[in-house]
Amino acid sequence: MIYIKDLAHYENKDVTLKGWVFNVRTSKNLVFIILRDGSGLCQSIVSKDDVSEEVWNAALQLTQESSLSLTGNVKKDDRSIGGYELHVSDLEVYQIANDYPITPKEHGVEFLMENRHLWLRSKRQWAIMRVRNHIIFTIHRFFQERGFIQMDAPIFTGNAAEGTTTLFETEYFDEKAYLTQSGQLYGEAMALAQGLIYTFGPTFRAEKSKTRRHLTEFWMIEPEMAFYDLKMNMDLAEEMLREIVSSVLDNCKTELEILERNTTFLENARQPFKRMSYTEAVDMLKSQQTANMLQEMEESRIKEKDELSKEQEEIKAEYGQAKKGRKFRIDARLKEIRARLDDIEEDLRNIPVWKESALNFEWGNDFGGSDETILTMQFDVPIMVYGYPAEVKAFYMKRDPEDDRIALGVDVLAPEGYGEIIGGGQREDNLDVLLAAIKKHELPEEAFKWYLDLRKFGSVPHSGFGLGLERTVCWICGLKHVRESIPFPRMLGRLYP
């Protein structure tokens, strides 16, 4: 079986490709087929003079997403997709697809989500899924090369990692069980057996949230390390993220080009990250510097909106008299303008919210999405915020021995407003302190008996973190909504397909 991605090895040779019609157009004596096979796209040319009448008639019947095989000679052509094209000598049709619902015209998000099983075939979604795959591969390689063991945490659990308010409850025969919100607690047990471990699996959160950052089912990478303190934990998290970004930049150039991703911020992520304490972050939120930045942003967006609206009206007026080629360019530009105006309108709606959130933020509160956005706007690299108030962190987080108000935790915030993609910290290793925390949070002590055993039998300092795969894909691909970062997203109100 030969794939499009490998055509460079078959220049001037006859090959057979199998796939689907991504696009097709005809002229008097030629049929141009853009074939996709999952590995890439290839322009394939059927010439009436070079094929039998049967093959020519079959080519004329092709429609978008018809399945077929094409046999022909591979020719180098720098103007073609991928640098090669196929001069067809024969074809076999497996099925003619009729009335394929997703056409080159614009479709609404709801329509595309209802047809997610087909939307995945589009060029943009193809690129996103391949970047996602490369991120997953890089994560496994990163940990395996450093002596970590992959282990699996259960999906059904009898206890909550961070309380039961955001858990999906289910029946487990005659017992109450929950879908896991984190593999971390089990990861701690495995780390005390193996030293260095990581889990990679699905997690579930029952928050009734409709923000662009939330899914009810998502994938988490959660390493746990015996004898690691907070600084070692932070160093590992930063090293991992830099490895992921560097590998995507080096190996997914085609995909990033398809996504029209501005890679400036990604390139910056090869550099050391910004580290700041929670208190420093709060001071920055409430600073005059932040107020000035938001004011300048608002004024800039208003000016840009006026300029784009004026351009939009001017080229619309030109459209009726324009020739075909110019109309095509006008349509493309109008699409760009509409997309940018949507972004500007969203910013103008959000800026007052951001201003109020920053102005009224009080030490001791947890950062919300608005606060994370404001902080990341002021740096061109990821930010590592550490030393959060213990009251807003999970019961298992170890407290700073020099300031009992502070938890030895860290969040990594991605730039460009993408917010938290990693949360972690040093775990409480003292049995009495952990037991008191469980009681304070009114959690069932019996359900955590096994977890408390870890502090009875050879307790050691240990740390870990969780990376949200979908939020990471969002940031690296430059996506506006997390729903595009996973093949079949599960969100509030979305269980189909």
Protein backbone atom coordinates (compact mmCIF):
# COMPACT_ATOMS: atom_id res chain seq x y z
CA MET A 1 0.00 0.00 0.00
CA ILE A 2 1.45 3.36 -1.05
CA TYR A 3 0.44 6.59 0.70
CA ILE A 4 0.50 10.17 -0.52
CA LYS A 5 3.01 11.18 2.13
CA ASP A 6 5.56 8.85 0.53
CA LEU A 7 5.22 9.97 -3.11
CA ALA A 8 8.68 11.57 -3.10
CA HIS A 9 10.10 8.02 -3.15
CA TYR A 10 8.18 7.15 -6.33
CA GLU A 11 8.97 9.97 -8.73
CA ASN A 12 8.42 8.89 -12.38
CA LYS A 13 7.08 5.53 -11.23
CA ASP A 14 3.59 4.05 -11.56
CA VAL A 15 1.70 3.71 -8.30
CA THR A 16 -1.84 3.06 -7.07
CA LEU A 17 -3.33 5.38 -4.45
CA LYS A 18 -6.52 4.67 -2.54
CA GLY A 19 -8.63 7.31 -0.86
CA TRP A 20 -11.45 9.80 -1.21
CA VAL A 21 -12.22 12.78 -3.42
CA PHE A 22 -11.41 15.93 -1.46
CA ASN A 23 -12.32 18.13 -4.43
CA VAL A 24 -12.93 17.66 -8.15
CA ARG A 25 -13.24 20.00 -11.12
CA THR A 26 -13.52 19.38 -14.84
CA SER A 27 -12.60 21.09 -18.07
CA LYS A 28 -13.15 20.04 -21.66
CA ASN A 29 -10.49 17.32 -21.74
CA LEU A 30 -9.23 17.14 -18.15
CA VAL A 31 -10.55 16.11 -14.74
CA PHE A 32 -8.60 17.40 -11.74
CA ILE A 33 -9.06 15.27 -8.65
CA ILE A 34 -7.67 16.27 -5.26
CA LEU A 35 -7.30 12.91 -3.55
CA ARG A 36 -6.96 12.48 0.19
CA ASP A 37 -5.89 9.24 1.84
CA GLY A 38 -5.42 10.32 5.46
CA SER A 39 -1.69 10.92 5.04
CA GLY A 40 -2.03 13.95 2.77
CA LEU A 41 -3.51 15.43 -0.41
CA CYS A 42 -2.47 14.86 -4.02
CA GLN A 43 -3.64 16.50 -7.22
CA SER A 44 -4.43 13.77 -9.74
CA ILE A 45 -5.03 14.58 -13.41
CA VAL A 46 -7.20 12.49 -15.72
CA SER A 47 -6.64 13.39 -19.38
CA LYS A 48 -9.29 12.27 -21.87
CA ASP A 49 -6.51 11.50 -24.36
CA ASP A 50 -4.65 9.17 -21.98
CA VAL A 51 -7.42 6.94 -20.61
CA SER A 52 -10.14 4.66 -21.89
CA GLU A 53 -13.64 5.96 -22.47
CA GLU A 54 -14.81 3.92 -19.46
CA VAL A 55 -12.24 5.56 -17.16
CA TRP A 56 -13.03 9.02 -18.54
CA ASN A 57 -16.77 8.59 -17.94
CA ALA A 58 -16.11 7.28 -14.44
CA ALA A 59 -13.98 10.34 -13.67
CA LEU A 60 -16.80 12.63 -14.81
CA GLN A 61 -19.16 11.00 -12.29
CA LEU A 62 -16.94 11.65 -9.25
CA THR A 63 -18.29 13.75 -6.39
CA GLN A 64 -16.89 15.09 -3.13
CA GLU A 65 -15.98 12.20 -0.76
CA SER A 66 -16.49 9.47 -3.35
CA SER A 67 -14.10 6.61 -2.58
CA LEU A 68 -11.77 5.26 -5.26
CA SER A 69 -8.34 4.06 -6.26
CA LEU A 70 -6.18 5.85 -8.80
CA THR A 71 -3.32 4.35 -10.79
CA GLY A 72 -0.85 6.59 -12.56
CA ASN A 73 2.63 8.02 -12.87
CA VAL A 74 4.09 10.25 -10.16
CA LYS A 75 5.42 13.60 -11.45
CA LYS A 76 7.22 16.27 -9.49
CA ASP A 77 5.46 19.65 -9.61
CA ASP A 78 6.33 22.32 -7.06
CA ARG A 79 3.04 24.10 -7.75
CA SER A 80 0.99 21.10 -6.63
CA ILE A 81 -0.03 20.18 -3.11
CA GLY A 82 2.87 18.32 -1.53
CA GLY A 83 5.10 18.96 -4.55
CA TYR A 84 3.91 15.93 -6.57
CA GLU A 85 0.96 15.05 -8.76
CA LEU A 86 -0.41 11.86 -10.28
CA HIS A 87 -1.01 11.50 -14.02
CA VAL A 88 -3.83 8.97 -14.00
CA SER A 89 -3.98 5.97 -16.33
CA ASP A 90 -6.71 4.02 -14.56
CA LEU A 91 -9.22 4.39 -11.74
CA GLU A 92 -11.64 2.20 -9.82
CA VAL A 93 -14.65 3.64 -8.00
CA TYR A 94 -15.67 2.04 -4.73
CA GLN A 95 -18.65 4.30 -4.09
CA ILE A 96 -20.08 7.53 -5.45
CA ALA A 97 -21.01 9.77 -2.52
CA ASN A 98 -24.25 11.66 -3.07
CA ASP A 99 -25.25 14.89 -1.33
CA TYR A 100 -22.26 15.09 1.00
CA PRO A 101 -23.48 17.59 3.62
CA ILE A 102 -20.25 19.52 4.30
CA THR A 103 -19.44 21.60 1.23
CA PRO A 104 -16.77 24.25 0.60
CA LYS A 105 -19.26 26.96 1.60
CA GLU A 106 -19.32 28.25 5.18
CA HIS A 107 -21.30 26.26 7.73
CA GLY A 108 -22.37 27.20 11.25
CA VAL A 109 -20.62 25.63 14.25
CA GLU A 110 -23.77 23.80 15.39
CA PHE A 111 -24.16 22.20 11.95
CA LEU A 112 -20.52 21.14 11.93
CA MET A 113 -20.77 19.71 15.45
CA GLU A 114 -23.82 17.67 14.45
CA ASN A 115 -21.71 16.32 11.60
CA ARG A 116 -18.49 15.95 13.57
CA HIS A 117 -18.00 12.42 12.19
CA LEU A 118 -17.68 13.99 8.73
CA TRP A 119 -16.15 17.33 9.75
CA LEU A 120 -13.05 15.38 10.84
CA ARG A 121 -12.30 14.85 7.12
CA SER A 122 -11.76 18.57 6.48
CA LYS A 123 -8.27 19.94 5.96
CA ARG A 124 -8.26 21.98 9.16
CA GLN A 125 -9.51 19.16 11.37
CA TRP A 126 -7.04 16.77 9.73
CA ALA A 127 -4.21 19.11 10.72
CA ILE A 128 -5.44 19.50 14.32
CA MET A 129 -5.70 15.75 14.87
CA ARG A 130 -2.21 15.18 13.51
CA VAL A 131 -0.77 17.83 15.84
CA ARG A 132 -2.67 16.19 18.70
CA ASN A 133 -1.16 12.83 17.76
CA HIS A 134 2.35 14.29 17.66
CA ILE A 135 1.89 15.90 21.08
CA ILE A 136 0.83 12.53 22.51
CA PHE A 137 3.81 10.79 20.90
CA THR A 138 6.21 13.44 22.23
CA ILE A 139 4.83 13.15 25.77
CA HIS A 140 5.32 9.39 25.83
CA ARG A 141 8.83 9.73 24.42
CA PHE A 142 9.70 12.47 26.93
CA PHE A 143 8.79 10.39 29.96
CA GLN A 144 10.03 7.05 28.66
CA GLU A 145 13.45 8.51 27.86
CA ARG A 146 13.70 9.75 31.45
CA GLY A 147 12.99 6.40 33.07
CA PHE A 148 9.28 6.94 33.85
CA ILE A 149 6.91 3.97 33.84
CA GLN A 150 3.46 4.43 32.32
CA MET A 151 0.79 3.05 34.62
CA ASP A 152 -2.98 3.26 34.48
CA ALA A 153 -5.34 4.68 37.07
CA PRO A 154 -8.91 3.37 37.32
CA ILE A 155 -11.79 5.25 35.69
CA PHE A 156 -14.31 4.04 38.29
CA THR A 157 -13.41 5.36 41.73
CA GLY A 158 -15.00 5.18 45.15
CA ASN A 159 -13.61 8.52 46.28
CA ALA A 160 -13.17 12.02 44.90
CA ALA A 161 -9.77 13.60 44.32
CA GLU A 162 -11.07 17.13 44.87
CA GLY A 163 -14.55 16.75 46.36
CA THR A 164 -17.75 15.38 44.81
CA THR A 165 -19.36 18.54 43.43
CA THR A 166 -17.94 18.12 39.93
CA LEU A 167 -18.14 14.33 39.62
CA PHE A 168 -20.37 12.10 37.53
CA GLU A 169 -21.97 9.65 39.92
CA THR A 170 -22.90 6.14 38.81
CA GLU A 171 -23.90 2.80 40.26
CA TYR A 172 -21.21 0.17 40.58
CA PHE A 173 -23.26 -2.94 41.25
CA ASP A 174 -24.53 -2.25 44.80
CA GLU A 175 -22.12 0.60 45.50
CA LYS A 176 -21.91 4.27 44.63
CA ALA A 177 -19.03 5.11 42.28
CA TYR A 178 -17.72 8.11 40.35
CA LEU A 179 -16.07 8.64 37.00
CA THR A 180 -12.57 9.79 37.79
CA GLN A 181 -11.70 13.49 37.78
CA SER A 182 -7.99 12.69 38.13
CA GLY A 183 -5.67 9.71 38.30
CA GLN A 184 -3.40 11.57 40.71
CA LEU A 185 -4.19 9.83 44.01
CA TYR A 186 -3.57 6.43 42.45
CA GLY A 187 -0.50 7.88 40.76
CA GLU A 188 0.95 8.64 44.18
CA ALA A 189 0.58 5.00 45.19
CA MET A 190 2.26 3.88 41.98
CA ALA A 191 5.10 6.39 42.38
CA LEU A 192 5.89 4.99 45.83
CA ALA A 193 6.21 1.60 44.14
CA GLN A 194 8.10 2.59 40.98
CA GLY A 195 9.69 5.95 41.82
CA LEU A 196 8.81 7.74 38.56
CA ILE A 197 5.47 7.10 36.87
CA TYR A 198 2.96 8.82 34.64
CA THR A 199 -0.65 8.09 33.81
CA PHE A 200 -2.36 9.04 30.55
CA GLY A 201 -6.08 8.60 30.45
CA PRO A 202 -9.57 10.08 30.25
CA THR A 203 -10.95 12.20 33.08
CA PHE A 204 -14.41 13.60 33.69
CA ARG A 205 -15.73 16.82 35.21
CA ALA A 206 -19.43 17.49 35.75
CA GLU A 207 -19.14 21.28 35.90
CA LYS A 208 -22.08 22.90 34.14
CA SER A 209 -19.84 25.25 32.23
CA LYS A 210 -20.15 26.38 28.62
CA THR A 211 -16.91 28.31 28.30
CA ARG A 212 -14.56 27.75 25.38
CA ARG A 213 -12.07 26.04 27.73
CA HIS A 214 -14.32 23.31 29.17
CA LEU A 215 -15.07 19.72 28.24
CA THR A 216 -16.83 17.15 30.41
CA GLU A 217 -14.53 14.39 29.12
CA PHE A 218 -10.89 15.09 28.42
CA TRP A 219 -7.45 13.48 28.61
CA MET A 220 -4.87 14.12 31.30
CA ILE A 221 -1.18 13.33 31.54
CA GLU A 222 -0.27 13.03 35.23
CA PRO A 223 3.32 12.24 36.27
CA GLU A 224 4.11 11.54 39.93
CA MET A 225 7.66 11.53 41.27
CA ALA A 226 8.98 10.21 44.58
CA PHE A 227 11.54 12.47 46.32
CA TYR A 228 10.62 15.51 44.15
CA ASP A 229 9.99 18.89 45.78
CA LEU A 230 8.09 21.81 44.22
CA LYS A 231 11.09 23.24 42.37
CA MET A 232 12.00 19.89 40.83
CA ASN A 233 8.35 19.47 39.84
CA MET A 234 8.28 22.89 38.17
CA ASP A 235 11.54 22.20 36.33
CA LEU A 236 10.14 18.94 34.93
CA ALA A 237 6.86 20.56 33.84
CA GLU A 238 8.71 23.34 32.03
CA GLU A 239 11.12 20.93 30.38
CA MET A 240 8.21 18.78 29.17
CA LEU A 241 6.27 21.71 27.69
CA ARG A 242 9.31 23.08 25.93
CA GLU A 243 10.00 19.63 24.48
CA ILE A 244 6.39 19.37 23.22
CA VAL A 245 6.41 22.78 21.57
CA SER A 246 9.84 22.32 20.01
CA SER A 247 8.90 18.94 18.58
CA VAL A 248 5.67 20.24 17.04
CA LEU A 249 7.47 23.22 15.52
CA ASP A 250 10.12 20.95 14.04
CA ASN A 251 7.85 18.15 12.82
CA CYS A 252 4.41 19.63 12.09
CA LYS A 253 5.23 22.55 9.79
CA THR A 254 2.63 21.54 7.18
CA GLU A 255 -0.11 21.21 9.79
CA LEU A 256 0.70 24.58 11.37
CA GLU A 257 0.64 26.22 7.94
CA ILE A 258 -2.79 24.75 7.21
CA LEU A 259 -3.99 26.15 10.55
CA GLU A 260 -2.42 29.52 9.66
CA ARG A 261 -0.83 29.44 13.09
CA ASN A 262 1.33 32.42 13.99
CA THR A 263 4.22 30.55 15.57
CA THR A 264 5.91 33.55 17.23
CA PHE A 265 4.63 32.68 20.72
CA LEU A 266 5.41 29.01 20.17
CA GLU A 267 8.98 29.85 19.22
CA ASN A 268 9.22 31.95 22.41
CA ALA A 269 8.23 28.88 24.43
CA ARG A 270 11.59 27.34 23.62
CA GLN A 271 12.99 29.95 26.04
CA PRO A 272 12.83 29.82 29.87
CA PHE A 273 9.34 30.43 31.24
CA LYS A 274 8.37 33.34 33.48
CA ARG A 275 8.03 32.29 37.14
CA MET A 276 6.14 34.41 39.63
CA SER A 277 4.48 33.88 42.99
CA TYR A 278 0.72 34.12 43.41
CA THR A 279 1.23 37.33 45.41
CA GLU A 280 3.28 38.86 42.59
CA ALA A 281 0.57 37.84 40.12
CA VAL A 282 -2.12 39.50 42.24
CA ASP A 283 -0.07 42.70 42.41
CA MET A 284 0.28 42.66 38.63
CA LEU A 285 -3.46 42.16 38.13
CA LYS A 286 -4.25 45.20 40.26
CA SER A 287 -1.45 47.35 38.85
CA GLN A 288 -1.71 50.51 36.80
CA GLN A 289 0.27 48.71 34.12
CA THR A 290 -2.61 46.26 33.66
CA ALA A 291 -5.21 49.03 33.66
CA ASN A 292 -3.27 50.91 30.98
CA MET A 293 -2.86 47.77 28.88
CA LEU A 294 -6.60 47.07 28.89
CA GLN A 295 -7.44 50.68 28.07
CA GLU A 296 -5.02 50.69 25.14
CA MET A 297 -6.43 47.37 23.94
CA GLU A 298 -9.98 48.71 24.01
CA GLU A 299 -9.03 51.83 22.05
CA SER A 300 -7.06 49.77 19.54
CA ARG A 301 -9.94 47.32 18.98
CA ILE A 302 -12.44 50.16 18.43
CA LYS A 303 -10.14 51.78 15.85
CA GLU A 304 -9.54 48.47 14.06
CA LYS A 305 -13.27 47.73 14.02
CA ASP A 306 -14.00 51.06 12.32
CA GLU A 307 -11.27 50.49 9.71
CA LEU A 308 -12.40 46.96 8.90
CA SER A 309 -16.07 47.94 8.72
CA LYS A 310 -15.18 50.69 6.25
CA GLU A 311 -13.14 48.28 4.12
CA GLN A 312 -15.98 45.76 4.23
CA GLU A 313 -18.47 48.26 2.82
CA GLU A 314 -16.06 49.43 0.12
CA ILE A 315 -15.31 45.99 -1.30
CA LYS A 316 -18.96 44.95 -1.06
CA ALA A 317 -19.82 47.93 -3.26
CA GLU A 318 -17.13 46.84 -5.73
CA TYR A 319 -18.38 43.25 -5.92
CA GLY A 320 -21.14 43.73 -8.52
CA GLN A 321 -18.76 45.15 -11.13
CA ALA A 322 -15.81 42.87 -10.37
CA LYS A 323 -14.56 40.12 -12.67
CA LYS A 324 -14.57 36.47 -11.58
CA GLY A 325 -11.00 36.41 -10.24
CA ARG A 326 -11.49 39.61 -8.30
CA LYS A 327 -14.80 38.32 -6.87
CA PHE A 328 -12.96 35.27 -5.58
CA ARG A 329 -10.41 37.48 -3.82
CA ILE A 330 -13.19 39.72 -2.43
CA ASP A 331 -15.03 36.69 -1.02
CA ALA A 332 -11.83 35.51 0.67
CA ARG A 333 -11.15 38.95 2.12
CA LEU A 334 -14.73 39.34 3.35
CA LYS A 335 -14.40 36.01 5.14
CA GLU A 336 -11.21 37.26 6.83
CA ILE A 337 -12.87 40.53 7.82
CA ARG A 338 -15.92 38.80 9.30
CA ALA A 339 -13.73 36.46 11.34
CA ARG A 340 -11.61 39.33 12.64
CA LEU A 341 -14.67 41.46 13.45
CA ASP A 342 -16.09 38.54 15.45
CA ASP A 343 -12.84 38.39 17.44
CA ILE A 344 -12.92 42.16 18.02
CA GLU A 345 -16.53 42.07 19.20
CA GLU A 346 -15.66 39.29 21.63
CA ASP A 347 -12.72 41.31 22.98
CA LEU A 348 -14.90 44.41 23.38
CA ARG A 349 -17.44 42.38 25.34
CA ASN A 350 -14.71 40.87 27.51
CA ILE A 351 -12.58 43.92 28.26
CA PRO A 352 -15.06 45.47 30.76
CA VAL A 353 -15.27 42.08 32.50
CA TRP A 354 -11.47 41.82 32.60
CA LYS A 355 -11.17 45.34 33.98
CA GLU A 356 -13.66 44.71 36.78
CA SER A 357 -12.14 41.33 37.66
CA ALA A 358 -8.62 42.78 37.90
CA LEU A 359 -9.69 45.86 39.85
CA ASN A 360 -11.69 43.92 42.45
CA PHE A 361 -9.43 40.90 42.81
CA GLU A 362 -8.52 40.12 46.43
CA TRP A 363 -5.62 38.11 47.76
CA GLY A 364 -6.92 34.66 48.68
CA ASN A 365 -9.20 34.24 45.68
CA ASP A 366 -8.49 31.71 42.98
CA PHE A 367 -7.76 32.99 39.49
CA GLY A 368 -10.61 32.76 37.01
CA GLY A 369 -10.35 32.62 33.25
CA SER A 370 -10.39 36.43 33.00
CA ASP A 371 -7.51 36.78 35.47
CA GLU A 372 -5.41 34.18 33.67
CA THR A 373 -6.08 35.90 30.35
CA ILE A 374 -4.93 39.28 31.68
CA LEU A 375 -1.75 37.82 33.14
CA THR A 376 -0.77 35.92 29.99
CA MET A 377 -1.36 38.97 27.82
CA GLN A 378 1.60 40.64 29.48
CA PHE A 379 4.20 37.98 28.68
CA ASP A 380 5.26 36.29 25.47
CA VAL A 381 6.22 33.02 27.20
CA PRO A 382 4.23 30.65 29.45
CA ILE A 383 3.90 31.79 33.08
CA MET A 384 4.43 29.53 36.09
CA VAL A 385 2.47 30.87 39.05
CA TYR A 386 3.37 29.18 42.35
CA GLY A 387 2.49 29.53 46.02
CA TYR A 388 -1.31 29.78 45.88
CA PRO A 389 -3.41 30.26 49.01
CA ALA A 390 -3.91 26.83 50.57
CA GLU A 391 -7.65 27.47 50.98
CA VAL A 392 -8.24 27.42 47.21
CA LYS A 393 -6.20 24.29 46.58
CA ALA A 394 -6.98 20.60 47.06
CA PHE A 395 -6.74 18.93 50.45
CA TYR A 396 -3.67 16.90 49.47
CA MET A 397 -1.48 19.93 48.65
CA LYS A 398 1.44 20.39 51.05
CA ARG A 399 1.68 23.75 52.82
CA ASP A 400 4.72 25.96 52.81
CA PRO A 401 6.57 25.30 56.09
CA GLU A 402 7.49 29.01 56.24
CA ASP A 403 3.94 30.29 55.66
CA ASP A 404 1.01 28.04 56.54
CA ARG A 405 -1.34 30.13 54.36
CA ILE A 406 0.50 29.04 51.22
CA ALA A 407 0.26 25.75 49.33
CA LEU A 408 3.30 24.40 47.49
CA GLY A 409 1.42 24.32 44.20
CA VAL A 410 1.98 25.64 40.70
CA ASP A 411 -0.14 26.41 37.64
CA VAL A 412 1.32 26.89 34.18
CA LEU A 413 -0.55 29.48 32.11
CA ALA A 414 -0.17 29.46 28.33
CA PRO A 415 0.27 32.82 26.57
CA GLU A 416 -2.18 34.52 24.19
CA GLY A 417 -5.01 34.17 26.70
CA TYR A 418 -5.14 30.36 26.70
CA GLY A 419 -4.74 30.13 30.47
CA GLU A 420 -4.06 27.12 32.66
CA ILE A 421 -2.75 24.00 30.94
CA ILE A 422 -0.88 22.47 33.91
CA GLY A 423 -1.77 22.29 37.58
CA GLY A 424 0.32 20.52 40.19
CA GLY A 425 2.45 20.71 43.27
CA GLN A 426 4.07 18.95 46.18
CA ARG A 427 1.84 16.45 48.00
CA GLU A 428 1.30 16.41 51.75
CA ASP A 429 3.41 13.54 53.11
CA ASN A 430 2.56 13.87 56.82
CA LEU A 431 -0.17 11.48 57.98
CA ASP A 432 -1.59 13.68 60.73
CA VAL A 433 -1.73 16.80 58.54
CA LEU A 434 -3.38 14.91 55.69
CA LEU A 435 -5.93 13.29 58.01
CA ALA A 436 -6.83 16.71 59.42
CA ALA A 437 -7.26 18.08 55.88
CA ILE A 438 -9.63 15.24 54.94
CA LYS A 439 -11.73 15.94 58.01
CA LYS A 440 -11.73 19.69 57.34
CA HIS A 441 -13.03 19.13 53.81
CA GLU A 442 -15.67 16.75 55.21
CA LEU A 443 -14.51 13.89 53.02
CA PRO A 444 -15.25 10.26 54.00
CA GLU A 445 -12.18 9.02 55.84
CA GLU A 446 -12.96 5.38 55.13
CA ALA A 447 -12.82 5.97 51.35
CA PHE A 448 -9.30 7.38 51.75
CA LYS A 449 -7.97 4.64 54.04
CA TRP A 450 -5.73 3.26 51.30
CA TYR A 451 -4.46 6.77 50.48
CA LEU A 452 -3.60 7.38 54.13
CA ASP A 453 -1.66 4.11 54.15
CA LEU A 454 0.83 5.73 51.79
CA ARG A 455 1.78 8.06 54.69
CA LYS A 456 2.04 5.20 57.17
CA PHE A 457 4.42 2.93 55.30
CA GLY A 458 7.50 4.69 53.97
CA SER A 459 6.17 8.19 53.34
CA VAL A 460 8.54 10.47 51.40
CA PRO A 461 8.39 13.94 49.86
CA HIS A 462 6.77 13.60 46.43
CA SER A 463 5.25 15.80 43.75
CA GLY A 464 3.38 15.70 40.48
CA PHE A 465 1.27 17.63 38.01
CA GLY A 466 -1.49 17.22 35.47
CA LEU A 467 -1.36 18.42 31.87
CA GLY A 468 -4.68 18.88 30.09
CA LEU A 469 -4.14 17.49 26.60
CA GLU A 470 -6.99 19.34 24.91
CA ARG A 471 -6.06 22.75 26.31
CA THR A 472 -2.49 22.13 25.20
CA VAL A 473 -3.68 21.24 21.69
CA CYS A 474 -5.80 24.41 21.69
CA TRP A 475 -2.84 26.61 22.53
CA ILE A 476 -0.36 25.01 20.14
CA CYS A 477 -2.85 24.98 17.24
CA GLY A 478 -4.20 28.45 18.04
CA LEU A 479 -7.82 27.24 18.36
CA LYS A 480 -10.59 29.46 19.66
CA HIS A 481 -12.57 26.64 21.28
CA VAL A 482 -11.54 23.39 22.95
CA ARG A 483 -14.23 21.47 21.02
CA GLU A 484 -11.91 21.21 17.99
CA SER A 485 -9.05 19.70 19.99
CA ILE A 486 -10.57 16.21 20.46
CA PRO A 487 -12.17 13.95 17.85
CA PHE A 488 -15.60 13.75 19.51
CA PRO A 489 -16.03 16.46 22.17
CA ARG A 490 -18.30 15.93 25.16
CA MET A 491 -19.63 19.21 26.51
CA LEU A 492 -22.69 20.44 28.35
CA GLY A 493 -25.53 19.61 25.96
CA ARG A 494 -23.33 17.69 23.51
CA LEU A 495 -23.53 13.87 23.47
CA TYR A 496 -23.98 13.34 19.71
CA PRO A 497 -22.43 11.98 17.60
